[in-house]
Amino acid sequence: MFDSSSRYAPVGDYTVKDTQGRQVKIKKIRFIPSTPARLTRQVVQGDRPDLLAYLYYQAPERFWRIADANEVMDPAELVAQLGRLIRVPPKS
């Protein structure tokens, strides 16, 4: 269901019953892991999480690495405020 590069790929599954008694597999809660960063960047007009991920990782789908380093659940928060300093973790 999730691509191997997804932040949810390593999160475990469990099964619950829906209101009609059917078994449904869902993901467990993903907690933001400690994500050290060596770089900082000031948010400028036109920044988007996917563009930043492409700039630093050549992979726009890895925006979540930057979100984790800044402890935000909603990646849009990263670029919502011009001038904000955001942390950028290494590629790893």
N, C-alpha and C. Protein backbone atom coordinates (compact mmCIF):
# COMPACT_ATOMS: atom_id res chain seq x y z
N MET A 1 0.82 -1.19 0.00
CA MET A 1 0.00 0.00 0.00
C MET A 1 0.86 1.26 0.00
N PHE A 2 1.97 1.25 0.73
CA PHE A 2 2.86 2.40 0.78
C PHE A 2 4.15 2.08 0.03
N ASP A 3 4.67 3.04 -0.70
CA ASP A 3 5.94 2.90 -1.38
C ASP A 3 7.04 2.71 -0.33
N SER A 4 8.10 2.02 -0.69
CA SER A 4 9.17 1.74 0.28
C SER A 4 9.85 3.00 0.79
N SER A 5 9.75 4.12 0.07
CA SER A 5 10.36 5.37 0.53
C SER A 5 9.41 6.20 1.39
N SER A 6 8.18 5.73 1.58
CA SER A 6 7.18 6.45 2.38
C SER A 6 7.57 6.45 3.85
N ARG A 7 7.21 7.52 4.53
CA ARG A 7 7.47 7.58 5.97
C ARG A 7 6.62 6.58 6.73
N TYR A 8 5.59 6.05 6.11
CA TYR A 8 4.71 5.08 6.76
C TYR A 8 5.09 3.62 6.45
N ALA A 9 6.02 3.41 5.54
CA ALA A 9 6.40 2.04 5.16
C ALA A 9 6.84 1.20 6.37
N PRO A 10 7.69 1.73 7.27
CA PRO A 10 8.13 0.89 8.38
C PRO A 10 7.13 0.80 9.55
N VAL A 11 6.06 1.57 9.50
CA VAL A 11 5.08 1.57 10.59
C VAL A 11 4.24 0.30 10.51
N GLY A 12 4.07 -0.35 11.64
CA GLY A 12 3.33 -1.60 11.68
C GLY A 12 1.84 -1.44 11.40
N ASP A 13 1.21 -2.55 11.06
CA ASP A 13 -0.23 -2.59 10.81
C ASP A 13 -0.94 -3.27 11.97
N TYR A 14 -2.22 -3.03 12.07
CA TYR A 14 -3.06 -3.86 12.91
C TYR A 14 -4.46 -3.89 12.32
N THR A 15 -5.27 -4.82 12.78
CA THR A 15 -6.59 -5.04 12.22
C THR A 15 -7.66 -4.64 13.22
N VAL A 16 -8.68 -3.95 12.70
CA VAL A 16 -9.83 -3.56 13.52
C VAL A 16 -11.10 -3.96 12.78
N LYS A 17 -12.21 -3.94 13.49
CA LYS A 17 -13.50 -4.19 12.84
C LYS A 17 -14.19 -2.86 12.61
N ASP A 18 -14.77 -2.71 11.41
CA ASP A 18 -15.53 -1.49 11.14
C ASP A 18 -16.94 -1.63 11.71
N THR A 19 -17.78 -0.64 11.49
CA THR A 19 -19.13 -0.65 12.07
C THR A 19 -20.01 -1.76 11.52
N GLN A 20 -19.60 -2.37 10.41
CA GLN A 20 -20.38 -3.46 9.83
C GLN A 20 -19.74 -4.82 10.12
N GLY A 21 -18.75 -4.83 11.02
CA GLY A 21 -18.14 -6.08 11.44
C GLY A 21 -17.05 -6.62 10.53
N ARG A 22 -16.67 -5.86 9.50
CA ARG A 22 -15.62 -6.31 8.58
C ARG A 22 -14.24 -6.02 9.17
N GLN A 23 -13.30 -6.91 8.90
CA GLN A 23 -11.91 -6.72 9.33
C GLN A 23 -11.24 -5.72 8.39
N VAL A 24 -10.61 -4.70 8.97
CA VAL A 24 -9.93 -3.68 8.18
C VAL A 24 -8.51 -3.52 8.71
N LYS A 25 -7.54 -3.58 7.83
CA LYS A 25 -6.15 -3.40 8.23
C LYS A 25 -5.81 -1.90 8.17
N ILE A 26 -5.25 -1.39 9.25
CA ILE A 26 -4.86 0.03 9.31
C ILE A 26 -3.44 0.14 9.85
N LYS A 27 -2.85 1.31 9.67
CA LYS A 27 -1.50 1.57 10.17
C LYS A 27 -1.57 2.05 11.62
N LYS A 28 -0.56 1.67 12.38
CA LYS A 28 -0.45 2.18 13.74
C LYS A 28 -0.06 3.66 13.66
N ILE A 29 -0.10 4.35 14.76
CA ILE A 29 0.27 5.76 14.80
C ILE A 29 1.77 5.90 14.54
N ARG A 30 2.11 6.86 13.72
CA ARG A 30 3.51 7.16 13.45
C ARG A 30 3.89 8.38 14.29
N PHE A 31 4.86 8.18 15.17
CA PHE A 31 5.36 9.29 15.98
C PHE A 31 6.56 9.90 15.25
N ILE A 32 6.72 11.20 15.37
CA ILE A 32 7.83 11.88 14.69
C ILE A 32 9.13 11.47 15.37
N PRO A 33 10.04 10.84 14.61
CA PRO A 33 11.30 10.42 15.21
C PRO A 33 12.27 11.59 15.34
N SER A 34 13.24 11.45 16.19
CA SER A 34 14.30 12.45 16.30
C SER A 34 15.05 12.45 14.97
N THR A 35 15.12 13.61 14.34
CA THR A 35 15.76 13.72 13.03
C THR A 35 16.75 14.87 13.06
N PRO A 36 18.03 14.58 13.33
CA PRO A 36 19.02 15.64 13.40
C PRO A 36 19.25 16.30 12.04
N ALA A 37 19.56 17.58 12.07
CA ALA A 37 19.80 18.34 10.84
C ALA A 37 21.09 19.12 10.96
N ARG A 38 21.79 19.23 9.85
CA ARG A 38 23.05 19.98 9.84
C ARG A 38 22.90 21.33 9.16
N LEU A 39 21.89 21.49 8.34
CA LEU A 39 21.68 22.73 7.59
C LEU A 39 20.43 23.44 8.06
N THR A 40 20.41 24.76 7.86
CA THR A 40 19.17 25.52 8.04
C THR A 40 18.94 26.31 6.77
N ARG A 41 17.69 26.64 6.55
CA ARG A 41 17.33 27.43 5.38
C ARG A 41 16.21 28.37 5.78
N GLN A 42 16.28 29.58 5.26
CA GLN A 42 15.23 30.55 5.51
C GLN A 42 14.18 30.42 4.42
N VAL A 43 12.92 30.34 4.83
CA VAL A 43 11.82 30.19 3.88
C VAL A 43 11.66 31.47 3.07
N VAL A 44 11.59 31.30 1.75
CA VAL A 44 11.39 32.44 0.84
C VAL A 44 10.13 32.21 0.01
N GLN A 45 9.65 33.27 -0.61
CA GLN A 45 8.46 33.20 -1.46
C GLN A 45 8.64 32.10 -2.51
N GLY A 46 7.65 31.27 -2.67
CA GLY A 46 7.69 30.21 -3.68
C GLY A 46 8.18 28.87 -3.16
N ASP A 47 8.69 28.83 -1.93
CA ASP A 47 9.13 27.55 -1.37
C ASP A 47 7.92 26.64 -1.17
N ARG A 48 8.14 25.35 -1.45
CA ARG A 48 7.15 24.31 -1.19
C ARG A 48 7.91 23.12 -0.65
N PRO A 49 7.28 22.32 0.21
CA PRO A 49 7.98 21.16 0.78
C PRO A 49 8.56 20.22 -0.28
N ASP A 50 7.81 19.96 -1.33
CA ASP A 50 8.32 19.05 -2.37
C ASP A 50 9.50 19.64 -3.13
N LEU A 51 9.47 20.96 -3.36
CA LEU A 51 10.58 21.60 -4.05
C LEU A 51 11.84 21.61 -3.19
N LEU A 52 11.67 21.82 -1.89
CA LEU A 52 12.82 21.78 -0.99
C LEU A 52 13.42 20.37 -0.96
N ALA A 53 12.57 19.36 -0.92
CA ALA A 53 13.07 17.99 -0.92
C ALA A 53 13.81 17.68 -2.22
N TYR A 54 13.32 18.19 -3.32
CA TYR A 54 14.03 17.98 -4.59
C TYR A 54 15.38 18.70 -4.56
N LEU A 55 15.39 19.92 -4.04
CA LEU A 55 16.63 20.70 -3.97
C LEU A 55 17.69 19.98 -3.16
N TYR A 56 17.32 19.44 -2.01
CA TYR A 56 18.30 18.83 -1.11
C TYR A 56 18.51 17.33 -1.31
N TYR A 57 17.49 16.63 -1.83
CA TYR A 57 17.59 15.17 -1.94
C TYR A 57 17.39 14.64 -3.36
N GLN A 58 17.03 15.53 -4.30
CA GLN A 58 16.68 15.12 -5.66
C GLN A 58 15.53 14.12 -5.64
N ALA A 59 14.66 14.25 -4.65
CA ALA A 59 13.52 13.35 -4.49
C ALA A 59 12.37 14.11 -3.82
N PRO A 60 11.44 14.67 -4.60
CA PRO A 60 10.38 15.48 -4.01
C PRO A 60 9.50 14.75 -3.01
N GLU A 61 9.40 13.43 -3.14
CA GLU A 61 8.55 12.66 -2.21
C GLU A 61 9.18 12.53 -0.83
N ARG A 62 10.41 13.00 -0.65
CA ARG A 62 11.07 12.90 0.66
C ARG A 62 10.89 14.17 1.51
N PHE A 63 9.91 14.98 1.16
CA PHE A 63 9.61 16.20 1.93
C PHE A 63 9.44 15.89 3.41
N TRP A 64 8.98 14.69 3.73
CA TRP A 64 8.70 14.31 5.11
C TRP A 64 9.96 14.31 5.96
N ARG A 65 11.14 14.12 5.37
CA ARG A 65 12.39 14.18 6.15
C ARG A 65 12.56 15.58 6.74
N ILE A 66 12.26 16.59 5.94
CA ILE A 66 12.38 17.97 6.41
C ILE A 66 11.29 18.26 7.44
N ALA A 67 10.09 17.76 7.20
CA ALA A 67 8.99 17.94 8.16
C ALA A 67 9.36 17.30 9.50
N ASP A 68 9.92 16.10 9.48
CA ASP A 68 10.31 15.43 10.72
C ASP A 68 11.38 16.22 11.47
N ALA A 69 12.36 16.75 10.75
CA ALA A 69 13.44 17.51 11.40
C ALA A 69 12.91 18.76 12.08
N ASN A 70 11.77 19.26 11.60
CA ASN A 70 11.17 20.46 12.17
C ASN A 70 9.97 20.16 13.05
N GLU A 71 9.74 18.86 13.30
CA GLU A 71 8.67 18.38 14.17
C GLU A 71 7.30 18.94 13.80
N VAL A 72 6.98 18.88 12.51
CA VAL A 72 5.65 19.27 12.05
C VAL A 72 4.97 18.08 11.41
N MET A 73 3.68 17.93 11.66
CA MET A 73 2.89 16.86 11.05
C MET A 73 2.40 17.28 9.65
N ASP A 74 2.06 18.55 9.50
CA ASP A 74 1.57 19.07 8.22
C ASP A 74 2.72 19.76 7.50
N PRO A 75 3.24 19.19 6.41
CA PRO A 75 4.37 19.77 5.71
C PRO A 75 4.15 21.22 5.25
N ALA A 76 2.89 21.61 5.03
CA ALA A 76 2.61 22.99 4.61
C ALA A 76 3.06 24.00 5.67
N GLU A 77 3.10 23.56 6.93
CA GLU A 77 3.57 24.44 8.01
C GLU A 77 5.01 24.90 7.80
N LEU A 78 5.80 24.06 7.13
CA LEU A 78 7.21 24.39 6.91
C LEU A 78 7.39 25.71 6.20
N VAL A 79 6.54 25.97 5.22
CA VAL A 79 6.72 27.14 4.35
C VAL A 79 5.63 28.20 4.53
N ALA A 80 4.81 28.06 5.55
CA ALA A 80 3.69 28.97 5.75
C ALA A 80 4.13 30.37 6.16
N GLN A 81 5.29 30.48 6.77
CA GLN A 81 5.75 31.79 7.28
C GLN A 81 7.07 32.16 6.61
N LEU A 82 7.03 33.20 5.77
CA LEU A 82 8.26 33.67 5.12
C LEU A 82 9.26 34.09 6.19
N GLY A 83 10.51 33.76 5.95
CA GLY A 83 11.56 34.11 6.89
C GLY A 83 11.83 33.08 7.96
N ARG A 84 10.96 32.12 8.10
CA ARG A 84 11.16 31.06 9.10
C ARG A 84 12.42 30.28 8.77
N LEU A 85 13.17 29.96 9.80
CA LEU A 85 14.35 29.10 9.62
C LEU A 85 13.90 27.65 9.81
N ILE A 86 14.16 26.84 8.80
CA ILE A 86 13.82 25.42 8.91
C ILE A 86 15.12 24.60 8.87
N ARG A 87 15.07 23.48 9.55
CA ARG A 87 16.22 22.57 9.59
C ARG A 87 16.09 21.56 8.45
N VAL A 88 17.24 21.25 7.84
CA VAL A 88 17.28 20.28 6.74
C VAL A 88 18.22 19.16 7.13
N PRO A 89 17.70 17.95 7.29
CA PRO A 89 18.57 16.82 7.66
C PRO A 89 19.37 16.32 6.46
N PRO A 90 20.44 15.57 6.73
CA PRO A 90 21.22 15.01 5.64
C PRO A 90 20.41 14.00 4.84
N LYS A 91 20.91 13.64 3.67
CA LYS A 91 20.20 12.74 2.75
C LYS A 91 19.83 11.39 3.36
N SER A 92 20.70 10.77 4.05
CA SER A 92 20.57 9.41 4.57
C SER A 92 19.28 8.79 4.30
